[in-house]
Amino acid sequence: MKKGACKIVMTALAALMALAPVTAEARTKLVALPDREATVIRLDNPRATLIEEERTLTLEKGVNQVDFSWKSVAVDPDSIRLQVLGHPDRVTLLNVSYPPGEAALVWEIASQEAFEERVRISYLLSNIDRLITYKLVADKPETRADFKSFLVLRNFSGEDFQQAQVLLDYGQTFERSILHEETQQLLFLKAGPIKIEKVWTFDAAQKPWDPDELDENVGIPVSYHIENVAGEGLGVSTLWGGKVRVYQDDGHQGTIFSGEDETGLVPVGEKMEVEIGDSRDLKVTQRKMREERINLRRNKDQQVVLFDTDEEIKAEVENFKDRPAVLTMLQHIPGQWEMKDCNLKYEKKDAGTLKFRIELPPKGKQTLRMRYRRLNVRP
């Protein structure tokens, strides 16, 4: 055991009742228990780590007391459970008591016979957790990439674990020893080359409409989109959120670092979107061509209390690259509205957000024109 680590300790106090009548005296025996025989570290839930360990209790016939203590180890006392595995029909857990002022509990166990009883003890342990990280290496054309996912296991719990089964929610299991204050990185998912799509995203509410009017260069956020679908090594399970580091083949048997992002949970069938920075390969220039008040409604004092608007937006998108490009454009129309004319297809992300997918040829341009009315606007 590593110096400075604090071990979870178990002892057993076996109370043997003599076979004589009630007047017989009871004898007690202190039994030193062996170390863990098997340990599972379950990382299914990112908010809590469940430890399952199996031990063999030396039980005498009658009532036995088993002490379980966790000095200087952050165990949640309410989470501790004992399960009898060997003779569940002949060994019964009677009650649990918690001595005052101690990091310990006492199980009172009744056994019909003397047994070497195998039990499973489970509890939630703090300060042992995991991170998920990803490494993406895109090819030179940025159409395919090698995809790797790593488990970073961190143990600052105060407890050493020898040859433990580390279980993820994906179903993968690793057998590892991990000591207190140790961090390990394990490769658990490798796929590729998988298909990726490079997408630029222009949000009209966030980006300047005319970048030429600014003294600084204005880039457009660019990201890689990866579908968690079957066929290329993905699509088996949900991809947990974590940091994604992105590299690109430089064409000279090396790689360059493109950027990094934090991704959220990606269920099967959904897309992972990894933003890698801003790019000036595309340019968007947007202008409002029309904005008029129409259909004015007045109160008895002839004050305007409601009106509609007639508005028109024109957005020009230019691709400076010698390869095709895809731009996601987000336009926002607040309140109640109706579209009168639009030359490009869109989908509604929500009641006031329109999402356009604009495909651009090499060195090509596209223009969005949309005319809409905002209804029942208050001054």
Protein backbone atom coordinates (compact mmCIF):
# COMPACT_ATOMS: atom_id res chain seq x y z
CA MET A 1 0.00 0.00 0.00
CA LYS A 2 1.32 3.44 -0.90
CA LYS A 3 2.72 5.45 1.96
CA GLY A 4 0.26 8.04 3.18
CA ALA A 5 -2.79 6.30 1.76
CA CYS A 6 -5.59 5.32 4.13
CA LYS A 7 -7.09 1.91 3.68
CA ILE A 8 -10.69 0.87 4.13
CA VAL A 9 -10.59 -1.61 6.99
CA MET A 10 -12.87 -4.49 7.88
CA THR A 11 -12.88 -6.67 10.97
CA ALA A 12 -15.42 -9.20 12.15
CA LEU A 13 -16.65 -9.97 15.65
CA ALA A 14 -18.32 -13.38 15.74
CA ALA A 15 -20.65 -14.13 18.63
CA LEU A 16 -21.02 -17.83 19.23
CA MET A 17 -23.98 -18.90 21.25
CA ALA A 18 -23.39 -22.20 23.03
CA LEU A 19 -25.66 -25.08 22.20
CA ALA A 20 -26.67 -25.26 25.90
CA PRO A 21 -29.87 -23.58 27.20
CA VAL A 22 -30.29 -19.83 27.51
CA THR A 23 -28.18 -19.73 30.69
CA ALA A 24 -25.02 -20.53 28.71
CA GLU A 25 -22.40 -17.82 28.33
CA ALA A 26 -21.56 -16.32 24.93
CA ARG A 27 -18.03 -16.38 23.49
CA THR A 28 -16.64 -13.73 21.10
CA LYS A 29 -13.92 -14.06 18.51
CA LEU A 30 -12.12 -11.29 16.57
CA VAL A 31 -11.42 -12.39 13.00
CA ALA A 32 -8.95 -10.64 10.68
CA LEU A 33 -10.42 -10.57 7.18
CA PRO A 34 -8.41 -11.02 3.98
CA ASP A 35 -7.91 -8.22 1.49
CA ARG A 36 -10.26 -7.58 -1.39
CA GLU A 37 -10.57 -10.55 -3.69
CA ALA A 38 -12.14 -8.59 -6.54
CA THR A 39 -12.82 -4.90 -7.09
CA VAL A 40 -14.91 -3.10 -9.69
CA ILE A 41 -14.63 0.67 -10.20
CA ARG A 42 -17.81 1.73 -12.00
CA LEU A 43 -17.60 4.99 -13.93
CA ASP A 44 -21.09 4.84 -15.47
CA ASN A 45 -22.12 8.08 -13.79
CA PRO A 46 -19.80 11.09 -14.23
CA ARG A 47 -21.08 12.62 -10.98
CA ALA A 48 -20.28 9.69 -8.67
CA THR A 49 -17.98 6.66 -8.67
CA LEU A 50 -19.36 3.36 -7.44
CA ILE A 51 -16.94 0.87 -5.90
CA GLU A 52 -17.92 -2.80 -5.72
CA GLU A 53 -15.60 -5.15 -3.85
CA GLU A 54 -15.86 -8.80 -2.94
CA ARG A 55 -14.46 -10.25 0.28
CA THR A 56 -14.82 -13.49 2.19
CA LEU A 57 -16.22 -13.21 5.72
CA THR A 58 -15.47 -15.93 8.24
CA LEU A 59 -18.86 -16.32 9.88
CA GLU A 60 -19.63 -18.47 12.89
CA LYS A 61 -23.00 -19.99 13.59
CA GLY A 62 -25.16 -17.41 15.31
CA VAL A 63 -24.93 -13.63 15.25
CA ASN A 64 -21.77 -12.01 13.89
CA GLN A 65 -20.71 -8.40 14.00
CA VAL A 66 -18.67 -7.03 11.10
CA ASP A 67 -17.00 -3.64 11.40
CA PHE A 68 -16.42 -1.57 8.25
CA SER A 69 -14.38 1.63 8.65
CA TRP A 70 -13.07 4.23 6.20
CA LYS A 71 -10.81 6.62 8.09
CA SER A 72 -9.56 9.50 5.89
CA VAL A 73 -11.39 8.09 2.88
CA ALA A 74 -14.40 10.02 1.53
CA VAL A 75 -17.06 7.31 1.50
CA ASP A 76 -20.74 8.28 1.45
CA PRO A 77 -22.07 6.35 4.49
CA ASP A 78 -25.64 6.27 3.16
CA SER A 79 -24.46 4.51 0.00
CA ILE A 80 -22.81 1.50 1.66
CA ARG A 81 -24.53 -1.78 0.81
CA LEU A 82 -23.78 -5.40 1.73
CA GLN A 83 -24.93 -8.28 -0.49
CA VAL A 84 -24.55 -11.92 0.52
CA LEU A 85 -23.42 -14.03 -2.44
CA GLY A 86 -22.61 -17.50 -1.15
CA HIS A 87 -25.60 -18.55 0.97
CA PRO A 88 -28.23 -15.80 0.71
CA ASP A 89 -30.93 -18.15 2.03
CA ARG A 90 -28.94 -19.03 5.19
CA VAL A 91 -27.11 -15.78 5.96
CA THR A 92 -29.14 -12.69 6.89
CA LEU A 93 -28.17 -9.09 7.49
CA LEU A 94 -30.07 -8.11 10.63
CA ASN A 95 -29.21 -4.45 11.07
CA VAL A 96 -26.63 -1.71 10.58
CA SER A 97 -25.37 0.65 13.28
CA TYR A 98 -23.12 3.69 13.05
CA PRO A 99 -20.86 4.30 16.08
CA PRO A 100 -20.93 7.98 17.11
CA GLY A 101 -17.98 10.11 16.04
CA GLU A 102 -16.44 7.40 13.86
CA ALA A 103 -16.09 6.85 10.13
CA ALA A 104 -17.40 3.33 10.52
CA LEU A 105 -20.44 1.10 10.66
CA VAL A 106 -21.22 -2.30 12.15
CA TRP A 107 -23.22 -4.96 10.35
CA GLU A 108 -25.00 -7.55 12.47
CA ILE A 109 -25.22 -10.75 10.45
CA ALA A 110 -27.00 -13.96 11.42
CA SER A 111 -25.64 -17.21 10.00
CA GLN A 112 -27.36 -20.59 10.33
CA GLU A 113 -24.01 -22.38 10.01
CA ALA A 114 -20.32 -21.54 10.08
CA PHE A 115 -19.46 -20.32 6.59
CA GLU A 116 -16.62 -18.80 4.62
CA GLU A 117 -19.14 -16.40 3.13
CA ARG A 118 -18.45 -14.41 -0.01
CA VAL A 119 -20.05 -10.95 0.07
CA ARG A 120 -20.16 -7.91 -2.17
CA ILE A 121 -19.76 -4.48 -0.59
CA SER A 122 -20.63 -1.40 -2.64
CA TYR A 123 -20.30 2.30 -1.85
CA LEU A 124 -19.88 5.71 -3.47
CA LEU A 125 -16.33 6.99 -3.18
CA SER A 126 -15.33 10.63 -3.72
CA ASN A 127 -12.15 11.98 -5.29
CA ILE A 128 -11.82 9.19 -7.82
CA ASP A 129 -13.20 10.15 -11.20
CA ARG A 130 -12.61 10.12 -14.91
CA LEU A 131 -12.34 12.48 -17.81
CA ILE A 132 -12.99 11.69 -21.45
CA THR A 133 -10.70 13.28 -24.05
CA TYR A 134 -10.62 12.96 -27.81
CA LYS A 135 -7.91 13.28 -30.46
CA LEU A 136 -8.90 13.99 -34.04
CA VAL A 137 -6.33 13.99 -36.86
CA ALA A 138 -7.81 15.29 -40.12
CA ASP A 139 -6.31 14.53 -43.52
CA LYS A 140 -5.00 17.23 -45.80
CA PRO A 141 -8.31 17.76 -47.70
CA GLU A 142 -10.19 17.81 -44.35
CA THR A 143 -12.71 15.21 -45.44
CA ARG A 144 -11.68 12.25 -43.24
CA ALA A 145 -9.97 11.87 -39.89
CA ASP A 146 -8.56 9.36 -37.44
CA PHE A 147 -10.61 9.39 -34.25
CA LYS A 148 -9.39 8.31 -30.81
CA SER A 149 -10.96 8.58 -27.39
CA PHE A 150 -9.09 8.32 -24.10
CA LEU A 151 -10.16 7.65 -20.54
CA VAL A 152 -8.25 9.70 -17.97
CA LEU A 153 -8.61 7.98 -14.59
CA ARG A 154 -7.72 10.10 -11.54
CA ASN A 155 -7.44 8.66 -8.04
CA PHE A 156 -7.12 11.07 -5.12
CA SER A 157 -9.45 9.09 -2.87
CA GLY A 158 -6.86 7.99 -0.31
CA GLU A 159 -7.26 4.37 -1.36
CA ASP A 160 -5.07 2.07 -3.48
CA PHE A 161 -6.75 -0.38 -5.85
CA GLN A 162 -4.90 -3.48 -7.05
CA GLN A 163 -6.03 -5.21 -10.25
CA ALA A 164 -9.42 -3.55 -10.27
CA GLN A 165 -11.93 -3.91 -13.08
CA VAL A 166 -12.60 -0.40 -14.41
CA LEU A 167 -16.04 -0.36 -16.02
CA LEU A 168 -17.35 2.37 -18.31
CA ASP A 169 -20.92 2.98 -19.38
CA TYR A 170 -19.92 1.93 -22.89
CA GLY A 171 -19.47 -1.63 -21.63
CA GLN A 172 -15.69 -1.65 -22.01
CA THR A 173 -13.80 -3.09 -19.06
CA PHE A 174 -10.16 -2.58 -18.17
CA GLU A 175 -8.17 -4.37 -15.51
CA ARG A 176 -5.89 -1.82 -13.88
CA SER A 177 -4.06 -1.14 -10.65
CA ILE A 178 -4.27 2.49 -9.64
CA LEU A 179 -2.70 3.99 -6.56
CA HIS A 180 -3.72 6.96 -4.48
CA GLU A 181 -2.60 10.23 -6.16
CA GLU A 182 -2.11 8.44 -9.49
CA THR A 183 -3.52 9.51 -12.87
CA GLN A 184 -3.69 7.15 -15.84
CA GLN A 185 -4.68 7.66 -19.47
CA LEU A 186 -6.17 4.72 -21.38
CA LEU A 187 -7.12 4.43 -25.05
CA PHE A 188 -10.59 2.89 -25.21
CA LEU A 189 -12.00 3.89 -28.61
CA LYS A 190 -10.28 4.05 -31.98
CA ALA A 191 -12.01 4.61 -35.31
CA GLY A 192 -11.18 5.83 -38.74
CA PRO A 193 -10.54 7.21 -41.06
CA ILE A 194 -14.07 8.51 -40.47
CA LYS A 195 -15.98 11.03 -42.55
CA ILE A 196 -15.88 14.62 -41.31
CA GLU A 197 -17.44 17.79 -42.66
CA LYS A 198 -15.89 21.21 -42.26
CA VAL A 199 -18.59 23.81 -41.63
CA TRP A 200 -18.39 27.58 -41.18
CA THR A 201 -21.06 29.19 -38.97
CA PHE A 202 -22.21 32.79 -39.32
CA ASP A 203 -24.61 34.04 -36.66
CA ALA A 204 -26.14 37.34 -37.71
CA ALA A 205 -26.74 38.25 -34.06
CA GLN A 206 -23.07 37.76 -33.15
CA LYS A 207 -20.98 38.75 -36.16
CA PRO A 208 -20.60 42.16 -37.88
CA TRP A 209 -22.70 42.57 -40.97
CA ASP A 210 -20.07 44.47 -42.97
CA PRO A 211 -16.54 43.37 -42.02
CA ASP A 212 -14.98 45.87 -44.45
CA GLU A 213 -16.05 48.71 -42.16
CA LEU A 214 -13.88 47.39 -39.33
CA ASP A 215 -10.17 48.01 -38.84
CA GLU A 216 -9.58 44.41 -37.79
CA ASN A 217 -9.83 41.13 -39.65
CA VAL A 218 -13.08 39.32 -38.99
CA GLY A 219 -13.09 35.54 -39.07
CA ILE A 220 -16.01 33.14 -39.21
CA PRO A 221 -16.09 30.28 -36.68
CA VAL A 222 -15.29 26.95 -38.31
CA SER A 223 -15.92 23.47 -36.95
CA TYR A 224 -15.74 19.80 -37.87
CA HIS A 225 -18.98 17.82 -37.81
CA ILE A 226 -18.76 14.11 -36.99
CA GLU A 227 -21.79 11.83 -37.07
CA ASN A 228 -22.02 9.21 -34.35
CA VAL A 229 -23.37 6.56 -36.69
CA ALA A 230 -22.43 2.98 -37.53
CA GLY A 231 -20.20 2.07 -40.42
CA GLU A 232 -16.79 3.46 -39.50
CA GLY A 233 -16.28 2.44 -35.90
CA LEU A 234 -18.75 4.84 -34.29
CA GLY A 235 -22.49 4.56 -33.65
CA VAL A 236 -22.12 1.89 -30.98
CA SER A 237 -22.83 4.05 -27.94
CA THR A 238 -23.18 7.61 -26.71
CA LEU A 239 -20.03 9.72 -26.85
CA TRP A 240 -19.53 11.48 -23.54
CA GLY A 241 -18.63 15.13 -23.40
CA GLY A 242 -14.98 16.05 -23.09
CA LYS A 243 -12.10 18.01 -24.55
CA VAL A 244 -11.36 17.42 -28.23
CA ARG A 245 -7.93 18.28 -29.63
CA VAL A 246 -7.81 18.59 -33.40
CA TYR A 247 -4.77 18.14 -35.63
CA GLN A 248 -4.33 18.13 -39.40
CA ASP A 249 -1.96 16.30 -41.69
CA ASP A 250 0.50 18.88 -43.04
CA GLY A 251 1.28 16.85 -46.16
CA HIS A 252 4.90 16.28 -45.08
CA GLN A 253 4.42 13.27 -42.78
CA GLY A 254 3.68 15.55 -39.86
CA THR A 255 0.70 17.22 -38.21
CA ILE A 256 -0.24 20.73 -37.23
CA PHE A 257 -2.42 21.68 -34.26
CA SER A 258 -5.72 23.14 -35.47
CA GLY A 259 -7.48 23.85 -32.18
CA GLU A 260 -9.47 22.37 -29.33
CA ASP A 261 -13.01 22.47 -28.04
CA GLU A 262 -15.25 21.06 -25.31
CA THR A 263 -17.97 18.84 -26.69
CA GLY A 264 -21.20 17.81 -25.01
CA LEU A 265 -22.97 14.47 -24.89
CA VAL A 266 -23.45 13.00 -28.39
CA PRO A 267 -26.11 10.23 -28.57
CA VAL A 268 -26.06 7.65 -31.34
CA GLY A 269 -27.34 9.23 -34.54
CA GLU A 270 -26.42 12.77 -33.50
CA LYS A 271 -23.51 15.00 -34.58
CA MET A 272 -20.45 16.02 -32.65
CA GLU A 273 -19.54 19.60 -33.51
CA VAL A 274 -15.95 20.56 -32.75
CA GLU A 275 -15.09 24.24 -33.16
CA ILE A 276 -11.45 24.78 -34.10
CA GLY A 277 -11.24 28.57 -34.41
CA ASP A 278 -12.04 31.39 -36.82
CA SER A 279 -11.34 31.31 -40.54
CA ARG A 280 -11.09 34.07 -43.13
CA ASP A 281 -11.56 31.72 -46.06
CA LEU A 282 -15.21 32.81 -46.21
CA LYS A 283 -16.70 36.28 -46.03
CA VAL A 284 -20.28 37.33 -45.27
CA THR A 285 -21.58 40.81 -46.01
CA GLN A 286 -25.14 41.46 -44.86
CA ARG A 287 -27.38 44.47 -45.25
CA LYS A 288 -30.96 45.38 -44.42
CA MET A 289 -32.49 46.53 -47.70
CA ARG A 290 -35.89 47.50 -46.34
CA GLU A 291 -37.53 48.26 -42.99
CA GLU A 292 -40.93 49.97 -43.04
CA ARG A 293 -43.78 50.26 -40.58
CA ILE A 294 -47.10 49.16 -42.02
CA ASN A 295 -50.61 48.47 -40.75
CA LEU A 296 -50.43 50.98 -37.93
CA ARG A 297 -53.03 50.65 -35.14
CA ARG A 298 -53.85 53.66 -32.98
CA ASN A 299 -55.67 54.29 -29.74
CA LYS A 300 -58.35 56.92 -29.21
CA ASP A 301 -55.65 59.59 -28.82
CA GLN A 302 -54.26 58.67 -32.22
CA GLN A 303 -51.11 57.24 -30.71
CA VAL A 304 -49.64 54.20 -32.45
CA VAL A 305 -49.96 51.20 -30.17
CA LEU A 306 -49.31 48.35 -32.62
CA PHE A 307 -47.80 48.03 -36.07
CA ASP A 308 -46.30 45.51 -38.47
CA THR A 309 -42.99 45.82 -40.27
CA ASP A 310 -41.97 45.02 -43.83
CA GLU A 311 -38.28 44.03 -43.81
CA GLU A 312 -35.79 42.65 -46.30
CA ILE A 313 -32.34 41.16 -45.69
CA LYS A 314 -29.62 40.56 -48.26
CA ALA A 315 -26.54 38.53 -47.34
CA GLU A 316 -23.68 37.85 -49.76
CA VAL A 317 -21.38 34.91 -49.03
CA GLU A 318 -18.03 34.54 -50.77
CA ASN A 319 -15.70 31.52 -50.76
CA PHE A 320 -12.01 32.32 -51.29
CA LYS A 321 -10.96 28.67 -51.11
CA ASP A 322 -10.15 26.50 -54.11
CA ARG A 323 -12.36 23.76 -52.61
CA PRO A 324 -16.10 23.66 -51.93
CA ALA A 325 -17.26 25.01 -48.58
CA VAL A 326 -20.38 24.78 -46.43
CA LEU A 327 -21.70 27.70 -44.37
CA THR A 328 -24.35 27.47 -41.68
CA MET A 329 -26.08 30.84 -41.41
CA LEU A 330 -28.29 31.77 -38.47
CA GLN A 331 -30.80 34.58 -38.89
CA HIS A 332 -33.01 35.89 -36.10
CA ILE A 333 -36.50 37.38 -36.34
CA PRO A 334 -37.92 38.38 -32.95
CA GLY A 335 -41.56 38.12 -32.00
CA GLN A 336 -44.37 37.02 -34.28
CA TRP A 337 -43.47 36.97 -37.96
CA GLU A 338 -44.31 35.56 -41.37
CA MET A 339 -42.01 34.94 -44.32
CA LYS A 340 -43.08 36.63 -47.55
CA ASP A 341 -40.22 35.58 -49.83
CA CYS A 342 -36.94 33.69 -49.42
CA ASN A 343 -34.67 32.35 -52.16
CA LEU A 344 -32.91 29.71 -49.99
CA LYS A 345 -34.28 26.84 -47.94
CA TYR A 346 -34.14 27.07 -44.16
CA GLU A 347 -35.21 25.21 -41.05
CA LYS A 348 -36.44 26.64 -37.78
CA LYS A 349 -34.18 26.02 -34.80
CA ASP A 350 -36.76 27.72 -32.61
CA ALA A 351 -39.57 30.25 -32.98
CA GLY A 352 -37.23 33.11 -33.84
CA THR A 353 -34.12 31.44 -35.32
CA LEU A 354 -33.72 30.39 -38.95
CA LYS A 355 -30.92 28.04 -39.98
CA PHE A 356 -29.62 28.06 -43.56
CA ARG A 357 -27.20 25.56 -45.07
CA ILE A 358 -25.37 27.33 -47.89
CA GLU A 359 -23.11 25.25 -50.13
CA LEU A 360 -20.45 27.22 -51.98
CA PRO A 361 -18.42 26.10 -55.00
CA PRO A 362 -14.66 26.78 -55.12
CA LYS A 363 -14.05 30.52 -55.44
CA GLY A 364 -17.82 30.89 -55.63
CA LYS A 365 -20.54 33.13 -54.21
CA GLN A 366 -24.10 32.77 -52.94
CA THR A 367 -26.65 35.42 -52.05
CA LEU A 368 -29.48 35.10 -49.54
CA ARG A 369 -32.52 37.31 -49.97
CA MET A 370 -35.41 37.11 -47.57
CA ARG A 371 -38.39 39.39 -47.08
CA TYR A 372 -40.56 39.00 -44.02
CA ARG A 373 -43.07 40.79 -41.84
CA ARG A 374 -42.94 41.19 -38.11
CA LEU A 375 -46.45 41.31 -36.69
CA ASN A 376 -48.05 43.17 -33.80
CA VAL A 377 -44.95 45.10 -32.81
CA ARG A 378 -45.25 47.59 -29.97
CA PRO A 379 -43.54 51.00 -30.24
